[in-house]
PDB file of all heavy atoms in Angstrom:
ATOM      1  N   THR A   1      81.574 101.131  -2.301  1.00  0.00           N
ATOM      2  CA  THR A   1      81.624  99.831  -1.619  1.00  0.00           C
ATOM      3  C   THR A   1      82.523  99.806  -0.417  1.00  0.00           C
ATOM      4  O   THR A   1      83.563 100.439  -0.425  1.00  0.00           O
ATOM      5  CB  THR A   1      82.277  98.800  -2.647  1.00  0.00           C
ATOM      6  OG1 THR A   1      81.507  98.882  -3.879  1.00  0.00           O
ATOM      7  CG2 THR A   1      82.240  97.405  -2.097  1.00  0.00           C
ATOM      8  N   TYR A   2      82.034  99.277   0.740  1.00  0.00           N
ATOM      9  CA  TYR A   2      82.687  99.149   1.942  1.00  0.00           C
ATOM     10  C   TYR A   2      82.867 100.477   2.690  1.00  0.00           C
ATOM     11  O   TYR A   2      83.689 100.542   3.622  1.00  0.00           O
ATOM     12  CB  TYR A   2      84.021  98.446   1.788  1.00  0.00           C
ATOM     13  CG  TYR A   2      84.000  97.181   1.113  1.00  0.00           C
ATOM     14  CD1 TYR A   2      84.514  96.923  -0.101  1.00  0.00           C
ATOM     15  CD2 TYR A   2      83.332  96.107   1.792  1.00  0.00           C
ATOM     16  CE1 TYR A   2      84.340  95.728  -0.736  1.00  0.00           C
ATOM     17  CE2 TYR A   2      83.268  94.812   1.148  1.00  0.00           C
ATOM     18  CZ  TYR A   2      83.767  94.590  -0.066  1.00  0.00           C
ATOM     19  OH  TYR A   2      83.628  93.417  -0.636  1.00  0.00           O
ATOM     20  N   ALA A   3      82.205 101.510   2.287  1.00  0.00           N
ATOM     21  CA  ALA A   3      82.272 102.862   2.949  1.00  0.00           C
ATOM     22  C   ALA A   3      82.004 102.727   4.458  1.00  0.00           C
ATOM     23  O   ALA A   3      82.757 103.353   5.319  1.00  0.00           O
ATOM     24  CB  ALA A   3      81.449 103.796   2.294  1.00  0.00           C
ATOM     25  N   TRP A   4      80.925 101.997   4.845  1.00  0.00           N
ATOM     26  CA  TRP A   4      80.592 101.833   6.253  1.00  0.00           C
ATOM     27  C   TRP A   4      81.694 101.066   7.009  1.00  0.00           C
ATOM     28  O   TRP A   4      81.944 101.341   8.137  1.00  0.00           O
ATOM     29  CB  TRP A   4      79.242 101.237   6.448  1.00  0.00           C
ATOM     30  CG  TRP A   4      78.198 102.196   5.994  1.00  0.00           C
ATOM     31  CD1 TRP A   4      77.358 102.108   4.923  1.00  0.00           C
ATOM     32  CD2 TRP A   4      77.829 103.463   6.623  1.00  0.00           C
ATOM     33  NE1 TRP A   4      76.484 103.207   4.890  1.00  0.00           N
ATOM     34  CE2 TRP A   4      76.739 104.010   5.897  1.00  0.00           C
ATOM     35  CE3 TRP A   4      78.271 104.112   7.686  1.00  0.00           C
ATOM     36  CZ2 TRP A   4      76.158 105.221   6.244  1.00  0.00           C
ATOM     37  CZ3 TRP A   4      77.679 105.354   8.030  1.00  0.00           C
ATOM     38  CH2 TRP A   4      76.676 105.934   7.308  1.00  0.00           C
ATOM     39  N   ASP A   5      82.288 100.067   6.359  1.00  0.00           N
ATOM     40  CA  ASP A   5      83.404  99.360   6.976  1.00  0.00           C
ATOM     41  C   ASP A   5      84.597 100.251   7.279  1.00  0.00           C
ATOM     42  O   ASP A   5      85.165 100.176   8.394  1.00  0.00           O
ATOM     43  CB  ASP A   5      83.863  98.191   6.152  1.00  0.00           C
ATOM     44  CG  ASP A   5      82.838  97.101   6.037  1.00  0.00           C
ATOM     45  OD1 ASP A   5      81.993  96.905   6.876  1.00  0.00           O
ATOM     46  OD2 ASP A   5      82.936  96.362   4.956  1.00  0.00           O
ATOM     47  N   ARG A   6      84.837 101.184   6.301  1.00  0.00           N
ATOM     48  CA  ARG A   6      85.938 102.067   6.606  1.00  0.00           C
ATOM     49  C   ARG A   6      85.591 103.069   7.660  1.00  0.00           C
ATOM     50  O   ARG A   6      86.509 103.396   8.570  1.00  0.00           O
ATOM     51  CB  ARG A   6      86.328 102.850   5.266  1.00  0.00           C
ATOM     52  CG  ARG A   6      86.947 102.013   4.248  1.00  0.00           C
ATOM     53  CD  ARG A   6      87.486 102.821   3.078  1.00  0.00           C
ATOM     54  NE  ARG A   6      86.445 103.411   2.286  1.00  0.00           N
ATOM     55  CZ  ARG A   6      85.747 102.814   1.240  1.00  0.00           C
ATOM     56  NH1 ARG A   6      86.220 101.580   0.919  1.00  0.00           N
ATOM     57  NH2 ARG A   6      84.879 103.446   0.582  1.00  0.00           N
ATOM     58  N   LEU A   7      84.352 103.500   7.708  1.00  0.00           N
ATOM     59  CA  LEU A   7      83.947 104.392   8.769  1.00  0.00           C
ATOM     60  C   LEU A   7      84.068 103.702  10.159  1.00  0.00           C
ATOM     61  O   LEU A   7      84.576 104.271  11.088  1.00  0.00           O
ATOM     62  CB  LEU A   7      82.448 104.817   8.564  1.00  0.00           C
ATOM     63  CG  LEU A   7      81.992 105.744   9.666  1.00  0.00           C
ATOM     64  CD1 LEU A   7      82.803 107.047   9.772  1.00  0.00           C
ATOM     65  CD2 LEU A   7      80.503 106.071   9.294  1.00  0.00           C
ATOM     66  N   GLU A   8      83.673 102.427  10.244  1.00  0.00           N
ATOM     67  CA  GLU A   8      83.770 101.636  11.530  1.00  0.00           C
ATOM     68  C   GLU A   8      85.266 101.558  11.932  1.00  0.00           C
ATOM     69  O   GLU A   8      85.595 101.680  13.067  1.00  0.00           O
ATOM     70  CB  GLU A   8      83.230 100.222  11.293  1.00  0.00           C
ATOM     71  CG  GLU A   8      81.710 100.266  11.079  1.00  0.00           C
ATOM     72  CD  GLU A   8      80.836 100.318  12.302  1.00  0.00           C
ATOM     73  OE1 GLU A   8      81.334  99.993  13.317  1.00  0.00           O
ATOM     74  OE2 GLU A   8      79.688 100.686  12.180  1.00  0.00           O
ATOM     75  N   ARG A   9      86.145 101.312  10.974  1.00  0.00           N
ATOM     76  CA  ARG A   9      87.553 101.174  11.277  1.00  0.00           C
ATOM     77  C   ARG A   9      88.172 102.566  11.704  1.00  0.00           C
ATOM     78  O   ARG A   9      88.937 102.659  12.585  1.00  0.00           O
ATOM     79  CB  ARG A   9      88.378 100.578  10.171  1.00  0.00           C
ATOM     80  CG  ARG A   9      88.030  99.089  10.153  1.00  0.00           C
ATOM     81  CD  ARG A   9      88.914  98.437   9.136  1.00  0.00           C
ATOM     82  NE  ARG A   9      88.723  96.948   9.322  1.00  0.00           N
ATOM     83  CZ  ARG A   9      89.086  96.094   8.303  1.00  0.00           C
ATOM     84  NH1 ARG A   9      89.670  96.506   7.246  1.00  0.00           N
ATOM     85  NH2 ARG A   9      88.885  94.823   8.491  1.00  0.00           N
ATOM     86  N   PHE A  10      87.666 103.630  11.077  1.00  0.00           N
ATOM     87  CA  PHE A  10      88.151 104.970  11.447  1.00  0.00           C
ATOM     88  C   PHE A  10      87.739 105.238  12.897  1.00  0.00           C
ATOM     89  O   PHE A  10      88.571 105.684  13.692  1.00  0.00           O
ATOM     90  CB  PHE A  10      87.508 106.038  10.470  1.00  0.00           C
ATOM     91  CG  PHE A  10      87.562 107.420  11.222  1.00  0.00           C
ATOM     92  CD1 PHE A  10      88.767 108.097  11.225  1.00  0.00           C
ATOM     93  CD2 PHE A  10      86.370 108.043  11.552  1.00  0.00           C
ATOM     94  CE1 PHE A  10      88.850 109.388  11.710  1.00  0.00           C
ATOM     95  CE2 PHE A  10      86.397 109.310  12.116  1.00  0.00           C
ATOM     96  CZ  PHE A  10      87.651 109.955  12.208  1.00  0.00           C
ATOM     97  N   ILE A  11      86.511 104.911  13.289  1.00  0.00           N
ATOM     98  CA  ILE A  11      85.994 105.104  14.600  1.00  0.00           C
ATOM     99  C   ILE A  11      86.846 104.297  15.658  1.00  0.00           C
ATOM    100  O   ILE A  11      87.178 104.665  16.704  1.00  0.00           O
ATOM    101  CB  ILE A  11      84.471 104.838  14.729  1.00  0.00           C
ATOM    102  CG1 ILE A  11      83.760 105.936  13.899  1.00  0.00           C
ATOM    103  CG2 ILE A  11      83.988 104.823  16.115  1.00  0.00           C
ATOM    104  CD1 ILE A  11      82.219 105.591  13.643  1.00  0.00           C
ATOM    105  N   ALA A  12      87.046 103.173  15.266  1.00  0.00           N
ATOM    106  CA  ALA A  12      87.808 102.141  16.084  1.00  0.00           C
ATOM    107  C   ALA A  12      89.213 102.697  16.284  1.00  0.00           C
ATOM    108  O   ALA A  12      89.876 102.543  17.359  1.00  0.00           O
ATOM    109  CB  ALA A  12      87.816 100.757  15.609  1.00  0.00           C
ATOM    110  N   ALA A  13      89.851 103.209  15.255  1.00  0.00           N
ATOM    111  CA  ALA A  13      91.245 103.712  15.304  1.00  0.00           C
ATOM    112  C   ALA A  13      91.384 104.875  16.309  1.00  0.00           C
ATOM    113  O   ALA A  13      92.451 105.056  16.782  1.00  0.00           O
ATOM    114  CB  ALA A  13      91.655 104.116  13.858  1.00  0.00           C
ATOM    115  N   LEU A  14      90.353 105.573  16.490  1.00  0.00           N
ATOM    116  CA  LEU A  14      90.381 106.808  17.317  1.00  0.00           C
ATOM    117  C   LEU A  14      90.706 106.526  18.773  1.00  0.00           C
ATOM    118  O   LEU A  14      91.197 107.374  19.512  1.00  0.00           O
ATOM    119  CB  LEU A  14      89.065 107.544  17.236  1.00  0.00           C
ATOM    120  CG  LEU A  14      88.762 108.190  15.913  1.00  0.00           C
ATOM    121  CD1 LEU A  14      87.402 108.848  15.912  1.00  0.00           C
ATOM    122  CD2 LEU A  14      89.850 109.204  15.484  1.00  0.00           C
ATOM    123  N   SER A  15      90.494 105.326  19.204  1.00  0.00           N
ATOM    124  CA  SER A  15      90.802 104.931  20.582  1.00  0.00           C
ATOM    125  C   SER A  15      92.277 104.573  20.764  1.00  0.00           C
ATOM    126  O   SER A  15      92.685 104.188  21.874  1.00  0.00           O
ATOM    127  CB  SER A  15      89.889 103.825  21.055  1.00  0.00           C
ATOM    128  OG  SER A  15      90.163 102.678  20.320  1.00  0.00           O
ATOM    129  N   HIS A  16      93.077 104.656  19.793  1.00  0.00           N
ATOM    130  CA  HIS A  16      94.544 104.364  19.792  1.00  0.00           C
ATOM    131  C   HIS A  16      95.367 105.657  19.517  1.00  0.00           C
ATOM    132  O   HIS A  16      94.833 106.517  18.762  1.00  0.00           O
ATOM    133  CB  HIS A  16      94.892 103.318  18.865  1.00  0.00           C
ATOM    134  CG  HIS A  16      94.018 101.990  19.147  1.00  0.00           C
ATOM    135  ND1 HIS A  16      94.322 101.113  20.151  1.00  0.00           N
ATOM    136  CD2 HIS A  16      92.917 101.642  18.639  1.00  0.00           C
ATOM    137  CE1 HIS A  16      93.367 100.238  20.209  1.00  0.00           C
ATOM    138  NE2 HIS A  16      92.513 100.405  19.302  1.00  0.00           N
ATOM    139  N   ASP A  17      96.561 105.694  19.957  1.00  0.00           N
ATOM    140  CA  ASP A  17      97.490 106.790  19.759  1.00  0.00           C
ATOM    141  C   ASP A  17      98.008 106.860  18.297  1.00  0.00           C
ATOM    142  O   ASP A  17      98.247 107.912  17.774  1.00  0.00           O
ATOM    143  CB  ASP A  17      98.611 106.745  20.659  1.00  0.00           C
ATOM    144  CG  ASP A  17      98.157 107.133  22.121  1.00  0.00           C
ATOM    145  OD1 ASP A  17      97.075 107.645  22.358  1.00  0.00           O
ATOM    146  OD2 ASP A  17      98.951 106.765  23.079  1.00  0.00           O
ATOM    147  N   THR A  18      98.217 105.674  17.761  1.00  0.00           N
ATOM    148  CA  THR A  18      98.835 105.675  16.436  1.00  0.00           C
ATOM    149  C   THR A  18      98.134 104.662  15.550  1.00  0.00           C
ATOM    150  O   THR A  18      97.360 103.814  15.976  1.00  0.00           O
ATOM    151  CB  THR A  18     100.368 105.148  16.512  1.00  0.00           C
ATOM    152  OG1 THR A  18     100.359 103.785  17.040  1.00  0.00           O
ATOM    153  CG2 THR A  18     101.183 106.040  17.467  1.00  0.00           C
ATOM    154  N   MET A  19      98.411 104.842  14.205  1.00  0.00           N
ATOM    155  CA  MET A  19      97.800 103.881  13.266  1.00  0.00           C
ATOM    156  C   MET A  19      98.325 102.498  13.457  1.00  0.00           C
ATOM    157  O   MET A  19      97.597 101.493  13.242  1.00  0.00           O
ATOM    158  CB  MET A  19      98.097 104.337  11.834  1.00  0.00           C
ATOM    159  CG  MET A  19      97.451 105.583  11.431  1.00  0.00           C
ATOM    160  SD  MET A  19      95.698 105.286  11.057  1.00  0.00           S
ATOM    161  CE  MET A  19      95.290 106.849  10.324  1.00  0.00           C
ATOM    162  N   ARG A  20      99.586 102.436  13.841  1.00  0.00           N
ATOM    163  CA  ARG A  20     100.122 101.082  14.020  1.00  0.00           C
ATOM    164  C   ARG A  20      99.436 100.267  15.182  1.00  0.00           C
ATOM    165  O   ARG A  20      99.093  99.153  14.991  1.00  0.00           O
ATOM    166  CB  ARG A  20     101.625 101.199  14.378  1.00  0.00           C
ATOM    167  CG  ARG A  20     102.337  99.846  14.614  1.00  0.00           C
ATOM    168  CD  ARG A  20     103.849 100.022  14.938  1.00  0.00           C
ATOM    169  NE  ARG A  20     104.053 100.841  16.171  1.00  0.00           N
ATOM    170  CZ  ARG A  20     104.002 100.283  17.375  1.00  0.00           C
ATOM    171  NH1 ARG A  20     103.565  99.119  17.627  1.00  0.00           N
ATOM    172  NH2 ARG A  20     104.199 101.067  18.439  1.00  0.00           N
ATOM    173  N   LYS A  21      99.264 101.022  16.294  1.00  0.00           N
ATOM    174  CA  LYS A  21      98.591 100.419  17.426  1.00  0.00           C
ATOM    175  C   LYS A  21      97.122 100.100  17.029  1.00  0.00           C
ATOM    176  O   LYS A  21      96.570  99.081  17.359  1.00  0.00           O
ATOM    177  CB  LYS A  21      98.515 101.358  18.590  1.00  0.00           C
ATOM    178  CG  LYS A  21      99.898 101.409  19.266  1.00  0.00           C
ATOM    179  CD  LYS A  21      99.907 102.382  20.411  1.00  0.00           C
ATOM    180  CE  LYS A  21     101.235 102.574  21.031  1.00  0.00           C
ATOM    181  NZ  LYS A  21     101.236 103.594  22.145  1.00  0.00           N
ATOM    182  N   ALA A  22      96.421 100.996  16.308  1.00  0.00           N
ATOM    183  CA  ALA A  22      95.075 100.797  15.937  1.00  0.00           C
ATOM    184  C   ALA A  22      95.021  99.545  15.022  1.00  0.00           C
ATOM    185  O   ALA A  22      94.129  98.671  15.150  1.00  0.00           O
ATOM    186  CB  ALA A  22      94.518 101.970  15.243  1.00  0.00           C
ATOM    187  N   ALA A  23      95.914  99.481  14.057  1.00  0.00           N
ATOM    188  CA  ALA A  23      95.839  98.352  13.108  1.00  0.00           C
ATOM    189  C   ALA A  23      96.082  97.022  13.836  1.00  0.00           C
ATOM    190  O   ALA A  23      95.425  96.059  13.560  1.00  0.00           O
ATOM    191  CB  ALA A  23      96.930  98.564  11.932  1.00  0.00           C
ATOM    192  N   GLN A  24      97.095  96.969  14.767  1.00  0.00           N
ATOM    193  CA  GLN A  24      97.314  95.753  15.585  1.00  0.00           C
ATOM    194  C   GLN A  24      96.082  95.356  16.314  1.00  0.00           C
ATOM    195  O   GLN A  24      95.654  94.192  16.276  1.00  0.00           O
ATOM    196  CB  GLN A  24      98.428  96.037  16.517  1.00  0.00           C
ATOM    197  CG  GLN A  24      99.805  96.074  15.945  1.00  0.00           C
ATOM    198  CD  GLN A  24     100.866  96.324  16.893  1.00  0.00           C
ATOM    199  OE1 GLN A  24     100.670  97.010  17.946  1.00  0.00           O
ATOM    200  NE2 GLN A  24     102.154  96.077  16.583  1.00  0.00           N
ATOM    201  N   ALA A  25      95.400  96.315  16.901  1.00  0.00           N
ATOM    202  CA  ALA A  25      94.141  96.031  17.687  1.00  0.00           C
ATOM    203  C   ALA A  25      93.064  95.524  16.797  1.00  0.00           C
ATOM    204  O   ALA A  25      92.203  94.629  17.205  1.00  0.00           O
ATOM    205  CB  ALA A  25      93.690  97.259  18.442  1.00  0.00           C
ATOM    206  N   LEU A  26      92.980  96.019  15.530  1.00  0.00           N
ATOM    207  CA  LEU A  26      91.960  95.548  14.611  1.00  0.00           C
ATOM    208  C   LEU A  26      92.312  94.302  13.801  1.00  0.00           C
ATOM    209  O   LEU A  26      91.513  93.753  13.130  1.00  0.00           O
ATOM    210  CB  LEU A  26      91.746  96.648  13.576  1.00  0.00           C
ATOM    211  CG  LEU A  26      91.047  97.965  14.109  1.00  0.00           C
ATOM    212  CD1 LEU A  26      91.183  99.075  13.108  1.00  0.00           C
ATOM    213  CD2 LEU A  26      89.549  97.643  14.453  1.00  0.00           C
ATOM    214  N   GLY A  27      93.545  93.888  14.004  1.00  0.00           N
ATOM    215  CA  GLY A  27      94.021  92.624  13.340  1.00  0.00           C
ATOM    216  C   GLY A  27      94.170  92.747  11.891  1.00  0.00           C
ATOM    217  O   GLY A  27      94.068  91.798  11.085  1.00  0.00           O
ATOM    218  N   ILE A  28      94.601  93.952  11.463  1.00  0.00           N
ATOM    219  CA  ILE A  28      94.909  94.287  10.004  1.00  0.00           C
ATOM    220  C   ILE A  28      96.267  94.951   9.907  1.00  0.00           C
ATOM    221  O   ILE A  28      96.770  95.436  10.965  1.00  0.00           O
ATOM    222  CB  ILE A  28      93.793  95.148   9.326  1.00  0.00           C
ATOM    223  CG1 ILE A  28      93.659  96.514  10.043  1.00  0.00           C
ATOM    224  CG2 ILE A  28      92.471  94.359   9.367  1.00  0.00           C
ATOM    225  CD1 ILE A  28      92.740  97.421   9.449  1.00  0.00           C
ATOM    226  N   SER A  29      96.745  95.059   8.744  1.00  0.00           N
ATOM    227  CA  SER A  29      98.081  95.736   8.585  1.00  0.00           C
ATOM    228  C   SER A  29      97.894  97.207   8.723  1.00  0.00           C
ATOM    229  O   SER A  29      96.851  97.707   8.453  1.00  0.00           O
ATOM    230  CB  SER A  29      98.693  95.348   7.253  1.00  0.00           C
ATOM    231  OG  SER A  29      98.006  95.937   6.168  1.00  0.00           O
ATOM    232  N   GLN A  30      98.939  97.878   9.040  1.00  0.00           N
ATOM    233  CA  GLN A  30      98.892  99.350   9.154  1.00  0.00           C
ATOM    234  C   GLN A  30      98.694  99.933   7.773  1.00  0.00           C
ATOM    235  O   GLN A  30      97.842 100.889   7.706  1.00  0.00           O
ATOM    236  CB  GLN A  30     100.230  99.869   9.669  1.00  0.00           C
ATOM    237  CG  GLN A  30     100.288 101.395   9.796  1.00  0.00           C
ATOM    238  CD  GLN A  30     101.549 101.940  10.389  1.00  0.00           C
ATOM    239  OE1 GLN A  30     102.398 101.203  10.974  1.00  0.00           O
ATOM    240  NE2 GLN A  30     101.820 103.161  10.284  1.00  0.00           N
ATOM    241  N   SER A  31      99.157  99.395   6.804  1.00  0.00           N
ATOM    242  CA  SER A  31      99.042  99.949   5.386  1.00  0.00           C
ATOM    243  C   SER A  31      97.554  99.849   4.974  1.00  0.00           C
ATOM    244  O   SER A  31      96.960 100.717   4.279  1.00  0.00           O
ATOM    245  CB  SER A  31      99.948  99.314   4.372  1.00  0.00           C
ATOM    246  OG  SER A  31      99.691  97.930   4.240  1.00  0.00           O
ATOM    247  N   THR A  32      96.906  98.725   5.362  1.00  0.00           N
ATOM    248  CA  THR A  32      95.482  98.583   5.048  1.00  0.00           C
ATOM    249  C   THR A  32      94.642  99.575   5.738  1.00  0.00           C
ATOM    250  O   THR A  32      93.773 100.174   5.162  1.00  0.00           O
ATOM    251  CB  THR A  32      95.054  97.085   5.494  1.00  0.00           C
ATOM    252  OG1 THR A  32      95.709  96.114   4.621  1.00  0.00           O
ATOM    253  CG2 THR A  32      93.450  96.992   5.230  1.00  0.00           C
ATOM    254  N   LEU A  33      94.948  99.836   6.960  1.00  0.00           N
ATOM    255  CA  LEU A  33      94.136 100.786   7.781  1.00  0.00           C
ATOM    256  C   LEU A  33      94.388 102.187   7.169  1.00  0.00           C
ATOM    257  O   LEU A  33      93.421 102.911   6.976  1.00  0.00           O
ATOM    258  CB  LEU A  33      94.558 100.732   9.258  1.00  0.00           C
ATOM    259  CG  LEU A  33      93.818 101.753  10.131  1.00  0.00           C
ATOM    260  CD1 LEU A  33      92.358 101.527  10.086  1.00  0.00           C
ATOM    261  CD2 LEU A  33      94.313 101.665  11.568  1.00  0.00           C
ATOM    262  N   VAL A  34      95.603 102.494   6.903  1.00  0.00           N
ATOM    263  CA  VAL A  34      95.903 103.806   6.338  1.00  0.00           C
ATOM    264  C   VAL A  34      95.221 104.035   5.021  1.00  0.00           C
ATOM    265  O   VAL A  34      94.580 105.053   4.790  1.00  0.00           O
ATOM    266  CB  VAL A  34      97.435 104.111   6.194  1.00  0.00           C
ATOM    267  CG1 VAL A  34      97.694 105.377   5.385  1.00  0.00           C
ATOM    268  CG2 VAL A  34      98.051 104.147   7.610  1.00  0.00           C
ATOM    269  N   THR A  35      95.262 103.043   4.195  1.00  0.00           N
ATOM    270  CA  THR A  35      94.559 103.045   2.850  1.00  0.00           C
ATOM    271  C   THR A  35      93.032 103.224   3.073  1.00  0.00           C
ATOM    272  O   THR A  35      92.439 104.084   2.374  1.00  0.00           O
ATOM    273  CB  THR A  35      94.833 101.821   2.016  1.00  0.00           C
ATOM    274  OG1 THR A  35      96.315 101.697   1.857  1.00  0.00           O
ATOM    275  CG2 THR A  35      94.092 101.805   0.729  1.00  0.00           C
ATOM    276  N   GLN A  36      92.412 102.523   4.019  1.00  0.00           N
ATOM    277  CA  GLN A  36      91.024 102.654   4.193  1.00  0.00           C
ATOM    278  C   GLN A  36      90.643 104.058   4.663  1.00  0.00           C
ATOM    279  O   GLN A  36      89.662 104.581   4.299  1.00  0.00           O
ATOM    280  CB  GLN A  36      90.532 101.586   5.082  1.00  0.00           C
ATOM    281  CG  GLN A  36      90.630 100.214   4.444  1.00  0.00           C
ATOM    282  CD  GLN A  36      90.073  99.038   5.306  1.00  0.00           C
ATOM    283  OE1 GLN A  36      89.857  99.285   6.497  1.00  0.00           O
ATOM    284  NE2 GLN A  36      89.781  97.998   4.634  1.00  0.00           N
ATOM    285  N   ILE A  37      91.386 104.526   5.648  1.00  0.00           N
ATOM    286  CA  ILE A  37      91.154 105.965   6.103  1.00  0.00           C
ATOM    287  C   ILE A  37      91.311 106.987   4.979  1.00  0.00           C
ATOM    288  O   ILE A  37      90.541 107.900   4.931  1.00  0.00           O
ATOM    289  CB  ILE A  37      91.867 106.187   7.468  1.00  0.00           C
ATOM    290  CG1 ILE A  37      91.326 105.320   8.592  1.00  0.00           C
ATOM    291  CG2 ILE A  37      91.829 107.641   7.787  1.00  0.00           C
ATOM    292  CD1 ILE A  37      92.058 105.345   9.885  1.00  0.00           C
ATOM    293  N   ASN A  38      92.401 106.833   4.272  1.00  0.00           N
ATOM    294  CA  ASN A  38      92.602 107.751   3.178  1.00  0.00           C
ATOM    295  C   ASN A  38      91.442 107.662   2.210  1.00  0.00           C
ATOM    296  O   ASN A  38      91.007 108.725   1.745  1.00  0.00           O
ATOM    297  CB  ASN A  38      93.914 107.366   2.399  1.00  0.00           C
ATOM    298  CG  ASN A  38      95.116 107.721   3.124  1.00  0.00           C
ATOM    299  OD1 ASN A  38      95.082 108.516   4.066  1.00  0.00           O
ATOM    300  ND2 ASN A  38      96.260 107.197   2.713  1.00  0.00           N
ATOM    301  N   ARG A  39      90.886 106.503   1.936  1.00  0.00           N
ATOM    302  CA  ARG A  39      89.747 106.410   1.035  1.00  0.00           C
ATOM    303  C   ARG A  39      88.570 107.096   1.642  1.00  0.00           C
ATOM    304  O   ARG A  39      87.727 107.759   0.901  1.00  0.00           O
ATOM    305  CB  ARG A  39      89.545 104.951   0.684  1.00  0.00           C
ATOM    306  CG  ARG A  39      88.273 104.624  -0.113  1.00  0.00           C
ATOM    307  CD  ARG A  39      88.496 105.228  -1.546  1.00  0.00           C
ATOM    308  NE  ARG A  39      87.210 105.229  -2.386  1.00  0.00           N
ATOM    309  CZ  ARG A  39      86.835 104.178  -3.023  1.00  0.00           C
ATOM    310  NH1 ARG A  39      87.584 103.122  -3.133  1.00  0.00           N
ATOM    311  NH2 ARG A  39      85.672 104.237  -3.664  1.00  0.00           N
TER     312      ARG A  39
END
């Protein structure tokens, strides 16, 4: 469930230097982004 959403966020995160910056740009918490990429 939500595998494609996680993939989309991974791809979006690549345009940022850090997970923190990526999460801010995506409008989610850093821990949420890290959890999704870990999954």
